[in-house]
């Protein structure tokens, strides 16, 4: 009962008073977005593509990758200018929900971070339209859906304090990742050069999860005055993502190397 009450409380109530009127943090809207996403992937999209040739979408993908590089770099820059690694330390920082310029920068950065997670769902739509069904794996779906839900949960409750370290690390990783994806659109000659480093993307993702697990774990220290229930959810999700990515790495890189 305690667990159910906590989950219901975090889903319905908005802990950050600064975002109580922001429509994206309405629980019904996020349920509708995820339902529409799954409906398009498994029903609408395959039905539409059944008798059609796969689309190329090369120009769209390049523009999408450039957008992701720019927006993720912008979020990282915004978080750093708000005080990370200068006035904001790496140890436990309670939520204060301030309205000073730096606190508003943190808030807006988290909002943009959440928005990018919704935009990330477009990637699966691209796979459907290009008939790349093998890329729509359990790892892909779990990672995208769980990231949207966790970003939404933290965005409406914890867009302040130590929680803002999460988008700082995640968006930094995405700058690297989408730079690789963008370069890979420039034909086989470029792909041949950079493909040998593709395995590093998965390693970087896994290192990211480990860093975030270690950082968030300090919330459970007696001296840290931050609610530990959402931290437990986040750490559980990070562990699941880590093992899914590790299995992907083992299957696609370690096994091939052994053969």
C-alpha atoms as a PDB file:
ATOM      1  CA  UNK A   1       0.000   0.000   0.000  1.00  0.00           C
ATOM      2  CA  UNK A   2       2.865   2.369   0.830  1.00  0.00           C
ATOM      3  CA  UNK A   3       4.469   1.705  -2.563  1.00  0.00           C
ATOM      4  CA  UNK A   4       1.176   2.180  -4.419  1.00  0.00           C
ATOM      5  CA  UNK A   5       0.448   5.444  -2.601  1.00  0.00           C
ATOM      6  CA  UNK A   6       3.911   6.759  -3.420  1.00  0.00           C
ATOM      7  CA  UNK A   7       3.613   5.862  -7.097  1.00  0.00           C
ATOM      8  CA  UNK A   8       0.152   7.449  -7.321  1.00  0.00           C
ATOM      9  CA  UNK A   9       1.404  10.564  -5.566  1.00  0.00           C
ATOM     10  CA  UNK A  10       4.343  11.030  -7.941  1.00  0.00           C
ATOM     11  CA  UNK A  11       2.203  10.379 -11.011  1.00  0.00           C
ATOM     12  CA  UNK A  12      -0.629  12.770 -10.147  1.00  0.00           C
ATOM     13  CA  UNK A  13       0.819  15.546  -8.017  1.00  0.00           C
ATOM     14  CA  UNK A  14       3.399  18.051  -9.228  1.00  0.00           C
ATOM     15  CA  UNK A  15       6.144  18.637  -6.688  1.00  0.00           C
ATOM     16  CA  UNK A  16       7.708  21.637  -8.413  1.00  0.00           C
ATOM     17  CA  UNK A  17       5.300  24.600  -7.992  1.00  0.00           C
ATOM     18  CA  UNK A  18       6.971  26.408 -10.899  1.00  0.00           C
ATOM     19  CA  UNK A  19       5.631  23.906 -13.467  1.00  0.00           C
ATOM     20  CA  UNK A  20       2.153  23.169 -12.093  1.00  0.00           C
ATOM     21  CA  UNK A  21       0.472  24.797 -15.119  1.00  0.00           C
ATOM     22  CA  UNK A  22       2.779  23.323 -17.772  1.00  0.00           C
ATOM     23  CA  UNK A  23       0.665  21.097 -20.016  1.00  0.00           C
ATOM     24  CA  UNK A  24       3.435  18.581 -20.789  1.00  0.00           C
ATOM     25  CA  UNK A  25       3.389  17.453 -17.167  1.00  0.00           C
ATOM     26  CA  UNK A  26      -0.244  16.371 -17.329  1.00  0.00           C
ATOM     27  CA  UNK A  27      -0.281  12.581 -16.675  1.00  0.00           C
ATOM     28  CA  UNK A  28      -3.033  11.957 -19.214  1.00  0.00           C
ATOM     29  CA  UNK A  29      -1.055  13.653 -21.953  1.00  0.00           C
ATOM     30  CA  UNK A  30       2.023  11.498 -21.374  1.00  0.00           C
ATOM     31  CA  UNK A  31      -0.147   8.348 -21.351  1.00  0.00           C
ATOM     32  CA  UNK A  32      -1.667   9.448 -24.674  1.00  0.00           C
ATOM     33  CA  UNK A  33       1.786  10.101 -26.197  1.00  0.00           C
ATOM     34  CA  UNK A  34       3.142   6.671 -25.219  1.00  0.00           C
ATOM     35  CA  UNK A  35      -0.037   4.904 -26.365  1.00  0.00           C
ATOM     36  CA  UNK A  36       0.124   6.728 -29.734  1.00  0.00           C
ATOM     37  CA  UNK A  37       3.806   5.816 -30.039  1.00  0.00           C
ATOM     38  CA  UNK A  38       3.148   2.099 -29.491  1.00  0.00           C
ATOM     39  CA  UNK A  39       0.049   2.147 -31.719  1.00  0.00           C
ATOM     40  CA  UNK A  40       2.035   3.638 -34.605  1.00  0.00           C
ATOM     41  CA  UNK A  41       4.904   1.146 -34.192  1.00  0.00           C
ATOM     42  CA  UNK A  42       2.821  -2.015 -33.974  1.00  0.00           C
ATOM     43  CA  UNK A  43      -0.405  -1.185 -35.826  1.00  0.00           C
ATOM     44  CA  UNK A  44      -0.624   2.017 -37.861  1.00  0.00           C
ATOM     45  CA  UNK A  45       2.957   2.131 -39.190  1.00  0.00           C
ATOM     46  CA  UNK A  46       3.256  -1.497 -40.386  1.00  0.00           C
ATOM     47  CA  UNK A  47      -0.205  -1.268 -41.947  1.00  0.00           C
ATOM     48  CA  UNK A  48       0.790   1.908 -43.827  1.00  0.00           C
ATOM     49  CA  UNK A  49       4.092   0.403 -45.017  1.00  0.00           C
ATOM     50  CA  UNK A  50       2.723  -3.039 -45.922  1.00  0.00           C
ATOM     51  CA  UNK A  51       2.621  -2.501 -49.689  1.00  0.00           C
ATOM     52  CA  UNK A  52       5.134   0.336 -49.894  1.00  0.00           C
ATOM     53  CA  UNK A  53       8.853   0.401 -50.513  1.00  0.00           C
ATOM     54  CA  UNK A  54      10.985   1.650 -47.622  1.00  0.00           C
ATOM     55  CA  UNK A  55      11.603   5.387 -47.572  1.00  0.00           C
ATOM     56  CA  UNK A  56      15.180   6.705 -47.686  1.00  0.00           C
ATOM     57  CA  UNK A  57      14.679   9.771 -45.454  1.00  0.00           C
ATOM     58  CA  UNK A  58      18.408  10.584 -45.716  1.00  0.00           C
ATOM     59  CA  UNK A  59      17.905  14.370 -45.726  1.00  0.00           C
ATOM     60  CA  UNK A  60      15.420  14.200 -42.863  1.00  0.00           C
ATOM     61  CA  UNK A  61      17.785  11.992 -40.822  1.00  0.00           C
ATOM     62  CA  UNK A  62      20.678  14.418 -41.342  1.00  0.00           C
ATOM     63  CA  UNK A  63      18.531  17.362 -40.247  1.00  0.00           C
ATOM     64  CA  UNK A  64      17.284  15.343 -37.266  1.00  0.00           C
ATOM     65  CA  UNK A  65      20.842  14.467 -36.217  1.00  0.00           C
ATOM     66  CA  UNK A  66      21.969  18.102 -36.535  1.00  0.00           C
ATOM     67  CA  UNK A  67      18.993  19.204 -34.438  1.00  0.00           C
ATOM     68  CA  UNK A  68      19.861  16.651 -31.747  1.00  0.00           C
ATOM     69  CA  UNK A  69      23.506  17.745 -31.658  1.00  0.00           C
ATOM     70  CA  UNK A  70      22.551  21.417 -31.341  1.00  0.00           C
ATOM     71  CA  UNK A  71      19.762  21.016 -28.767  1.00  0.00           C
ATOM     72  CA  UNK A  72      21.774  18.651 -26.558  1.00  0.00           C
ATOM     73  CA  UNK A  73      24.819  20.935 -26.711  1.00  0.00           C
ATOM     74  CA  UNK A  74      22.540  23.860 -25.821  1.00  0.00           C
ATOM     75  CA  UNK A  75      21.211  22.006 -22.750  1.00  0.00           C
ATOM     76  CA  UNK A  76      24.734  21.108 -21.575  1.00  0.00           C
ATOM     77  CA  UNK A  77      25.884  24.702 -22.064  1.00  0.00           C
ATOM     78  CA  UNK A  78      22.827  25.988 -20.180  1.00  0.00           C
ATOM     79  CA  UNK A  79      23.444  23.662 -17.224  1.00  0.00           C
ATOM     80  CA  UNK A  80      27.124  24.567 -17.040  1.00  0.00           C
ATOM     81  CA  UNK A  81      26.326  28.295 -17.177  1.00  0.00           C
ATOM     82  CA  UNK A  82      23.809  27.764 -14.348  1.00  0.00           C
ATOM     83  CA  UNK A  83      26.673  26.714 -12.078  1.00  0.00           C
ATOM     84  CA  UNK A  84      27.567  23.058 -12.527  1.00  0.00           C
ATOM     85  CA  UNK A  85      31.183  22.373 -11.482  1.00  0.00           C
ATOM     86  CA  UNK A  86      31.538  25.995 -10.307  1.00  0.00           C
ATOM     87  CA  UNK A  87      28.859  27.034  -7.794  1.00  0.00           C
ATOM     88  CA  UNK A  88      26.991  23.706  -7.842  1.00  0.00           C
ATOM     89  CA  UNK A  89      28.993  20.898  -6.183  1.00  0.00           C
ATOM     90  CA  UNK A  90      28.822  17.177  -6.870  1.00  0.00           C
ATOM     91  CA  UNK A  91      27.561  16.290  -3.398  1.00  0.00           C
ATOM     92  CA  UNK A  92      23.937  16.232  -2.212  1.00  0.00           C
ATOM     93  CA  UNK A  93      21.942  19.384  -2.983  1.00  0.00           C
ATOM     94  CA  UNK A  94      18.341  19.638  -1.665  1.00  0.00           C
ATOM     95  CA  UNK A  95      15.510  20.944  -3.837  1.00  0.00           C
ATOM     96  CA  UNK A  96      14.851  24.662  -3.349  1.00  0.00           C
ATOM     97  CA  UNK A  97      12.732  25.476  -6.448  1.00  0.00           C
ATOM     98  CA  UNK A  98      14.186  28.974  -6.622  1.00  0.00           C
ATOM     99  CA  UNK A  99      13.259  31.766  -9.021  1.00  0.00           C
ATOM    100  CA  UNK A 100      16.722  33.289  -9.299  1.00  0.00           C
ATOM    101  CA  UNK A 101      18.313  33.310 -12.808  1.00  0.00           C
ATOM    102  CA  UNK A 102      20.471  30.214 -12.250  1.00  0.00           C
ATOM    103  CA  UNK A 103      17.571  28.169 -10.833  1.00  0.00           C
ATOM    104  CA  UNK A 104      15.405  29.146 -13.817  1.00  0.00           C
ATOM    105  CA  UNK A 105      18.231  28.067 -16.136  1.00  0.00           C
ATOM    106  CA  UNK A 106      18.242  24.656 -14.455  1.00  0.00           C
ATOM    107  CA  UNK A 107      14.456  24.447 -14.777  1.00  0.00           C
ATOM    108  CA  UNK A 108      14.438  25.363 -18.472  1.00  0.00           C
ATOM    109  CA  UNK A 109      17.309  22.969 -19.174  1.00  0.00           C
ATOM    110  CA  UNK A 110      15.375  20.089 -17.618  1.00  0.00           C
ATOM    111  CA  UNK A 111      12.285  21.047 -19.601  1.00  0.00           C
ATOM    112  CA  UNK A 112      14.247  21.017 -22.859  1.00  0.00           C
ATOM    113  CA  UNK A 113      15.840  17.745 -21.771  1.00  0.00           C
ATOM    114  CA  UNK A 114      12.409  16.179 -21.318  1.00  0.00           C
ATOM    115  CA  UNK A 115      11.266  17.570 -24.667  1.00  0.00           C
ATOM    116  CA  UNK A 116      14.220  15.914 -26.419  1.00  0.00           C
ATOM    117  CA  UNK A 117      13.143  12.571 -24.958  1.00  0.00           C
ATOM    118  CA  UNK A 118       9.762  12.988 -26.621  1.00  0.00           C
ATOM    119  CA  UNK A 119      11.481  13.939 -29.881  1.00  0.00           C
ATOM    120  CA  UNK A 120      13.681  10.826 -29.556  1.00  0.00           C
ATOM    121  CA  UNK A 121      10.545   8.746 -30.199  1.00  0.00           C
ATOM    122  CA  UNK A 122      10.731   9.883 -33.829  1.00  0.00           C
ATOM    123  CA  UNK A 123      13.673   7.503 -34.284  1.00  0.00           C
ATOM    124  CA  UNK A 124      11.414   4.478 -33.991  1.00  0.00           C
ATOM    125  CA  UNK A 125       9.047   6.015 -36.524  1.00  0.00           C
ATOM    126  CA  UNK A 126      12.006   6.346 -38.901  1.00  0.00           C
ATOM    127  CA  UNK A 127      12.777   2.633 -38.454  1.00  0.00           C
ATOM    128  CA  UNK A 128       9.164   1.792 -39.331  1.00  0.00           C
ATOM    129  CA  UNK A 129       9.132   3.991 -42.459  1.00  0.00           C
ATOM    130  CA  UNK A 130      12.496   2.559 -43.588  1.00  0.00           C
ATOM    131  CA  UNK A 131      11.343  -0.995 -42.784  1.00  0.00           C
ATOM    132  CA  UNK A 132      14.235  -1.486 -40.359  1.00  0.00           C
ATOM    133  CA  UNK A 133      12.122  -3.684 -38.102  1.00  0.00           C
ATOM    134  CA  UNK A 134      15.152  -5.540 -36.696  1.00  0.00           C
ATOM    135  CA  UNK A 135      16.258  -2.314 -35.019  1.00  0.00           C
ATOM    136  CA  UNK A 136      13.022  -2.061 -33.026  1.00  0.00           C
ATOM    137  CA  UNK A 137      14.274  -4.351 -30.283  1.00  0.00           C
ATOM    138  CA  UNK A 138      13.144  -4.693 -26.683  1.00  0.00           C
ATOM    139  CA  UNK A 139      16.223  -2.678 -25.701  1.00  0.00           C
ATOM    140  CA  UNK A 140      15.236   0.118 -28.075  1.00  0.00           C
ATOM    141  CA  UNK A 141      11.616   0.270 -26.890  1.00  0.00           C
ATOM    142  CA  UNK A 142      12.395  -0.069 -23.186  1.00  0.00           C
ATOM    143  CA  UNK A 143      15.125   2.552 -23.331  1.00  0.00           C
ATOM    144  CA  UNK A 144      12.967   5.128 -25.120  1.00  0.00           C
ATOM    145  CA  UNK A 145       9.782   4.587 -23.113  1.00  0.00           C
ATOM    146  CA  UNK A 146      11.497   4.374 -19.710  1.00  0.00           C
ATOM    147  CA  UNK A 147      13.565   7.486 -20.498  1.00  0.00           C
ATOM    148  CA  UNK A 148      10.427   9.441 -21.380  1.00  0.00           C
ATOM    149  CA  UNK A 149       8.666   8.335 -18.187  1.00  0.00           C
ATOM    150  CA  UNK A 150      11.634   9.003 -15.903  1.00  0.00           C
ATOM    151  CA  UNK A 151      12.327  12.393 -17.535  1.00  0.00           C
ATOM    152  CA  UNK A 152       8.663  13.289 -17.126  1.00  0.00           C
ATOM    153  CA  UNK A 153       8.643  12.177 -13.482  1.00  0.00           C
ATOM    154  CA  UNK A 154      11.774  14.143 -12.636  1.00  0.00           C
ATOM    155  CA  UNK A 155      10.782  17.119 -14.786  1.00  0.00           C
ATOM    156  CA  UNK A 156       7.609  17.806 -12.847  1.00  0.00           C
ATOM    157  CA  UNK A 157       9.109  17.142  -9.432  1.00  0.00           C
ATOM    158  CA  UNK A 158      12.889  17.555  -9.456  1.00  0.00           C
ATOM    159  CA  UNK A 159      14.039  20.139 -12.039  1.00  0.00           C
ATOM    160  CA  UNK A 160      16.423  21.535  -9.466  1.00  0.00           C
ATOM    161  CA  UNK A 161      19.356  20.677  -7.224  1.00  0.00           C
ATOM    162  CA  UNK A 162      21.343  17.511  -7.744  1.00  0.00           C
ATOM    163  CA  UNK A 163      18.785  15.989 -10.164  1.00  0.00           C
ATOM    164  CA  UNK A 164      19.992  18.343 -12.885  1.00  0.00           C
ATOM    165  CA  UNK A 165      23.237  16.359 -13.035  1.00  0.00           C
ATOM    166  CA  UNK A 166      21.295  13.645 -14.893  1.00  0.00           C
ATOM    167  CA  UNK A 167      20.498  15.696 -18.042  1.00  0.00           C
ATOM    168  CA  UNK A 168      24.004  17.180 -17.911  1.00  0.00           C
ATOM    169  CA  UNK A 169      25.590  13.739 -18.339  1.00  0.00           C
ATOM    170  CA  UNK A 170      22.902  12.326 -20.620  1.00  0.00           C
ATOM    171  CA  UNK A 171      22.892  15.257 -23.046  1.00  0.00           C
ATOM    172  CA  UNK A 172      26.700  15.223 -23.194  1.00  0.00           C
ATOM    173  CA  UNK A 173      26.525  11.580 -24.270  1.00  0.00           C
ATOM    174  CA  UNK A 174      23.893  12.423 -26.879  1.00  0.00           C
ATOM    175  CA  UNK A 175      26.100  15.083 -28.469  1.00  0.00           C
ATOM    176  CA  UNK A 176      28.723  12.379 -29.081  1.00  0.00           C
ATOM    177  CA  UNK A 177      26.166   9.822 -30.194  1.00  0.00           C
ATOM    178  CA  UNK A 178      24.350  11.988 -32.732  1.00  0.00           C
ATOM    179  CA  UNK A 179      27.628  13.326 -34.101  1.00  0.00           C
ATOM    180  CA  UNK A 180      28.512   9.736 -34.965  1.00  0.00           C
ATOM    181  CA  UNK A 181      25.071   9.127 -36.501  1.00  0.00           C
ATOM    182  CA  UNK A 182      25.348  12.309 -38.566  1.00  0.00           C
ATOM    183  CA  UNK A 183      28.775  11.361 -39.927  1.00  0.00           C
ATOM    184  CA  UNK A 184      27.542   7.858 -40.761  1.00  0.00           C
ATOM    185  CA  UNK A 185      25.049   9.322 -43.287  1.00  0.00           C
ATOM    186  CA  UNK A 186      27.877  10.405 -45.605  1.00  0.00           C
ATOM    187  CA  UNK A 187      28.316   7.243 -47.588  1.00  0.00           C
ATOM    188  CA  UNK A 188      30.311   4.016 -47.258  1.00  0.00           C
ATOM    189  CA  UNK A 189      33.752   5.668 -47.282  1.00  0.00           C
ATOM    190  CA  UNK A 190      33.028   7.681 -44.148  1.00  0.00           C
ATOM    191  CA  UNK A 191      31.173   4.791 -42.521  1.00  0.00           C
ATOM    192  CA  UNK A 192      34.163   2.530 -43.131  1.00  0.00           C
ATOM    193  CA  UNK A 193      36.387   4.917 -41.177  1.00  0.00           C
ATOM    194  CA  UNK A 194      34.085   5.531 -38.208  1.00  0.00           C
ATOM    195  CA  UNK A 195      32.399   2.116 -38.016  1.00  0.00           C
ATOM    196  CA  UNK A 196      35.403   0.625 -36.217  1.00  0.00           C
ATOM    197  CA  UNK A 197      34.620   2.976 -33.319  1.00  0.00           C
ATOM    198  CA  UNK A 198      30.905   2.233 -33.158  1.00  0.00           C
ATOM    199  CA  UNK A 199      31.344  -0.114 -30.189  1.00  0.00           C
ATOM    200  CA  UNK A 200      32.503   2.908 -28.159  1.00  0.00           C
ATOM    201  CA  UNK A 201      28.975   4.356 -28.289  1.00  0.00           C
ATOM    202  CA  UNK A 202      27.641   1.405 -26.285  1.00  0.00           C
ATOM    203  CA  UNK A 203      30.559   1.614 -23.849  1.00  0.00           C
ATOM    204  CA  UNK A 204      29.930   5.345 -23.353  1.00  0.00           C
ATOM    205  CA  UNK A 205      26.265   4.608 -22.657  1.00  0.00           C
ATOM    206  CA  UNK A 206      27.168   1.992 -20.038  1.00  0.00           C
ATOM    207  CA  UNK A 207      29.737   4.281 -18.403  1.00  0.00           C
ATOM    208  CA  UNK A 208      27.034   6.941 -18.247  1.00  0.00           C
ATOM    209  CA  UNK A 209      24.732   4.561 -16.350  1.00  0.00           C
ATOM    210  CA  UNK A 210      27.475   3.682 -13.850  1.00  0.00           C
ATOM    211  CA  UNK A 211      28.309   7.353 -13.226  1.00  0.00           C
ATOM    212  CA  UNK A 212      24.643   8.199 -12.632  1.00  0.00           C
ATOM    213  CA  UNK A 213      24.089   5.200 -10.337  1.00  0.00           C
ATOM    214  CA  UNK A 214      27.075   6.224  -8.199  1.00  0.00           C
ATOM    215  CA  UNK A 215      25.975   9.855  -8.133  1.00  0.00           C
ATOM    216  CA  UNK A 216      22.321   9.161  -7.258  1.00  0.00           C
ATOM    217  CA  UNK A 217      23.259   6.608  -4.571  1.00  0.00           C
ATOM    218  CA  UNK A 218      24.426   9.396  -2.262  1.00  0.00           C
ATOM    219  CA  UNK A 219      20.758  10.334  -1.767  1.00  0.00           C
ATOM    220  CA  UNK A 220      20.502   7.338   0.582  1.00  0.00           C
ATOM    221  CA  UNK A 221      23.102   8.816   2.941  1.00  0.00           C
ATOM    222  CA  UNK A 222      21.584  10.063   6.248  1.00  0.00           C
ATOM    223  CA  UNK A 223      23.055  13.520   5.640  1.00  0.00           C
ATOM    224  CA  UNK A 224      21.248  13.959   2.298  1.00  0.00           C
ATOM    225  CA  UNK A 225      17.870  15.667   2.704  1.00  0.00           C
ATOM    226  CA  UNK A 226      16.342  14.493  -0.576  1.00  0.00           C
ATOM    227  CA  UNK A 227      13.415  12.100  -1.043  1.00  0.00           C
ATOM    228  CA  UNK A 228      14.888   8.667  -1.777  1.00  0.00           C
ATOM    229  CA  UNK A 229      11.824   7.011  -3.359  1.00  0.00           C
ATOM    230  CA  UNK A 230      12.339   8.541  -6.855  1.00  0.00           C
ATOM    231  CA  UNK A 231      16.067   7.854  -6.485  1.00  0.00           C
ATOM    232  CA  UNK A 232      15.281   4.152  -6.009  1.00  0.00           C
ATOM    233  CA  UNK A 233      13.140   4.183  -9.178  1.00  0.00           C
ATOM    234  CA  UNK A 234      15.896   5.906 -11.120  1.00  0.00           C
ATOM    235  CA  UNK A 235      18.631   3.528  -9.954  1.00  0.00           C
ATOM    236  CA  UNK A 236      16.477   0.489 -10.767  1.00  0.00           C
ATOM    237  CA  UNK A 237      15.866   1.858 -14.271  1.00  0.00           C
ATOM    238  CA  UNK A 238      19.577   2.585 -14.734  1.00  0.00           C
ATOM    239  CA  UNK A 239      20.500  -0.976 -13.720  1.00  0.00           C
ATOM    240  CA  UNK A 240      17.971  -2.417 -16.174  1.00  0.00           C
ATOM    241  CA  UNK A 241      19.301  -0.195 -18.962  1.00  0.00           C
ATOM    242  CA  UNK A 242      22.882  -1.116 -18.103  1.00  0.00           C
ATOM    243  CA  UNK A 243      22.239  -4.858 -18.350  1.00  0.00           C
ATOM    244  CA  UNK A 244      20.241  -4.466 -21.585  1.00  0.00           C
ATOM    245  CA  UNK A 245      23.069  -2.447 -23.142  1.00  0.00           C
ATOM    246  CA  UNK A 246      25.671  -4.885 -21.820  1.00  0.00           C
ATOM    247  CA  UNK A 247      23.808  -7.817 -23.387  1.00  0.00           C
ATOM    248  CA  UNK A 248      23.660  -5.867 -26.651  1.00  0.00           C
ATOM    249  CA  UNK A 249      27.405  -5.164 -26.435  1.00  0.00           C
ATOM    250  CA  UNK A 250      28.216  -8.777 -25.619  1.00  0.00           C
ATOM    251  CA  UNK A 251      26.093 -10.085 -28.485  1.00  0.00           C
ATOM    252  CA  UNK A 252      27.169  -7.587 -31.152  1.00  0.00           C
ATOM    253  CA  UNK A 253      30.816  -6.958 -30.289  1.00  0.00           C
ATOM    254  CA  UNK A 254      32.310  -9.472 -27.854  1.00  0.00           C
ATOM    255  CA  UNK A 255      30.739 -12.500 -29.556  1.00  0.00           C
ATOM    256  CA  UNK A 256      31.830 -11.309 -33.032  1.00  0.00           C
ATOM    257  CA  UNK A 257      35.325 -10.621 -31.793  1.00  0.00           C
ATOM    258  CA  UNK A 258      35.526 -14.130 -30.328  1.00  0.00           C
ATOM    259  CA  UNK A 259      34.368 -15.684 -33.611  1.00  0.00           C
END
